[in-house]
């Protein structure tokens, strides 16, 4: 009967909702990236905090240590959702642009010209990998 089917669908929706809520409450986390990837990301986070470098986020310049803390928060958020699978996905999803405004992040060191943070971090990742 049609009424029984609607009730069954409603029960299924409630069950799915309850399961999603339980997963969120219990902090079901996705698998962490492999140790090599974790080491690369840790290096890039530290690299952003290089003394003398500044980080532009949504039109405001910040010290590298502030940028590092901000990117660490974004990384932690993405990790919980399984959205960082490799170092490149960290750069794209966390360290290249503002998730709020969509504006590219920029980095400048010393009196140098500002560059897109994605380019800055990909270049450093290449150097880091070559040095291993």
Protein backbone atom coordinates (compact mmCIF):
# COMPACT_ATOMS: atom_id res chain seq x y z
CA UNK A 1 0.00 0.00 0.00
CA UNK A 2 1.20 3.54 -0.74
CA UNK A 3 0.98 4.68 2.89
CA UNK A 4 3.21 1.83 4.06
CA UNK A 5 5.80 2.67 1.42
CA UNK A 6 5.96 6.33 2.52
CA UNK A 7 6.34 5.25 6.16
CA UNK A 8 9.12 2.86 5.17
CA UNK A 9 10.95 5.61 3.25
CA UNK A 10 10.62 7.97 6.21
CA UNK A 11 12.07 5.32 8.53
CA UNK A 12 14.98 4.75 6.15
CA UNK A 13 15.71 8.50 5.98
CA UNK A 14 15.67 8.72 9.79
CA UNK A 15 18.01 5.74 10.05
CA UNK A 16 20.44 7.23 7.55
CA UNK A 17 20.32 10.56 9.39
CA UNK A 18 20.96 8.84 12.72
CA UNK A 19 23.92 6.92 11.28
CA UNK A 20 25.44 10.10 9.84
CA UNK A 21 24.98 11.89 13.15
CA UNK A 22 26.56 9.01 15.05
CA UNK A 23 29.53 9.02 12.69
CA UNK A 24 29.99 12.75 13.18
CA UNK A 25 29.64 12.56 16.96
CA UNK A 26 32.08 9.69 17.28
CA UNK A 27 34.58 11.40 15.00
CA UNK A 28 34.84 8.72 12.38
CA UNK A 29 38.05 9.78 10.70
CA UNK A 30 39.39 8.84 7.34
CA UNK A 31 42.74 7.13 7.06
CA UNK A 32 45.69 9.46 7.45
CA UNK A 33 47.98 9.92 4.48
CA UNK A 34 51.09 7.73 4.38
CA UNK A 35 54.10 8.87 6.48
CA UNK A 36 56.00 10.22 3.45
CA UNK A 37 53.06 12.50 2.61
CA UNK A 38 52.72 13.60 6.24
CA UNK A 39 56.43 14.52 6.29
CA UNK A 40 56.11 16.53 3.08
CA UNK A 41 53.10 18.44 4.37
CA UNK A 42 54.82 19.11 7.71
CA UNK A 43 57.80 20.48 5.78
CA UNK A 44 55.57 22.75 3.67
CA UNK A 45 53.76 24.03 6.76
CA UNK A 46 57.12 24.89 8.34
CA UNK A 47 58.33 26.41 5.07
CA UNK A 48 55.40 28.85 5.04
CA UNK A 49 56.58 30.08 8.45
CA UNK A 50 60.07 30.96 7.15
CA UNK A 51 61.26 34.14 8.91
CA UNK A 52 60.99 37.16 6.65
CA UNK A 53 58.14 35.74 4.59
CA UNK A 54 54.56 36.99 4.63
CA UNK A 55 51.34 35.36 3.53
CA UNK A 56 48.45 37.21 1.91
CA UNK A 57 45.00 35.92 2.70
CA UNK A 58 41.94 37.80 1.43
CA UNK A 59 43.85 41.05 0.91
CA UNK A 60 45.68 41.12 4.26
CA UNK A 61 49.32 40.24 4.86
CA UNK A 62 50.12 37.94 7.77
CA UNK A 63 53.32 36.71 9.36
CA UNK A 64 54.43 33.26 8.25
CA UNK A 65 53.70 31.82 11.69
CA UNK A 66 50.09 32.99 11.43
CA UNK A 67 49.85 31.50 7.95
CA UNK A 68 51.22 28.21 9.24
CA UNK A 69 48.60 28.09 12.01
CA UNK A 70 45.81 28.90 9.53
CA UNK A 71 46.91 26.24 7.05
CA UNK A 72 47.29 23.70 9.86
CA UNK A 73 43.64 24.27 10.83
CA UNK A 74 42.54 23.80 7.23
CA UNK A 75 44.67 20.68 6.92
CA UNK A 76 43.22 19.20 10.11
CA UNK A 77 39.69 19.91 8.87
CA UNK A 78 40.36 18.25 5.52
CA UNK A 79 42.08 15.27 7.14
CA UNK A 80 39.00 14.49 9.21
CA UNK A 81 37.02 14.31 6.00
CA UNK A 82 39.52 12.21 4.08
CA UNK A 83 40.17 15.00 1.59
CA UNK A 84 43.97 14.97 1.76
CA UNK A 85 45.33 11.90 0.03
CA UNK A 86 48.68 13.27 -1.12
CA UNK A 87 50.78 16.40 -0.79
CA UNK A 88 49.39 17.89 -3.97
CA UNK A 89 45.83 17.62 -2.65
CA UNK A 90 46.96 19.51 0.47
CA UNK A 91 48.39 22.29 -1.70
CA UNK A 92 45.25 22.52 -3.84
CA UNK A 93 42.61 22.14 -1.14
CA UNK A 94 44.22 23.91 1.82
CA UNK A 95 47.12 26.11 0.77
CA UNK A 96 46.33 27.73 -2.59
CA UNK A 97 43.21 29.78 -2.03
CA UNK A 98 40.68 30.94 0.50
CA UNK A 99 37.79 28.52 0.89
CA UNK A 100 35.62 31.47 1.87
CA UNK A 101 36.35 33.99 -0.90
CA UNK A 102 38.05 31.81 -3.53
CA UNK A 103 40.91 34.35 -3.76
CA UNK A 104 44.40 32.96 -4.30
CA UNK A 105 46.80 33.10 -1.38
CA UNK A 106 50.11 34.82 -2.03
CA UNK A 107 53.55 34.65 -0.45
CA UNK A 108 56.37 37.17 -0.47
CA UNK A 109 59.74 36.91 1.20
CA UNK A 110 62.01 39.82 2.04
CA UNK A 111 61.55 42.53 -0.54
CA UNK A 112 60.65 40.02 -3.23
CA UNK A 113 57.64 39.97 -5.50
CA UNK A 114 54.48 38.21 -4.29
CA UNK A 115 53.82 34.82 -5.87
CA UNK A 116 50.82 32.52 -5.74
CA UNK A 117 51.19 30.23 -2.74
CA UNK A 118 50.34 27.18 -4.84
CA UNK A 119 53.32 27.87 -7.10
CA UNK A 120 55.54 28.71 -4.12
CA UNK A 121 54.68 25.44 -2.36
CA UNK A 122 54.89 23.23 -5.47
CA UNK A 123 58.36 24.64 -6.18
CA UNK A 124 59.45 23.91 -2.62
CA UNK A 125 57.96 20.41 -2.77
CA UNK A 126 60.07 19.69 -5.87
CA UNK A 127 63.21 20.89 -4.04
CA UNK A 128 62.31 18.87 -0.95
CA UNK A 129 61.74 15.68 -2.94
CA UNK A 130 64.97 16.18 -4.89
CA UNK A 131 66.92 16.50 -1.64
CA UNK A 132 65.78 13.14 -0.28
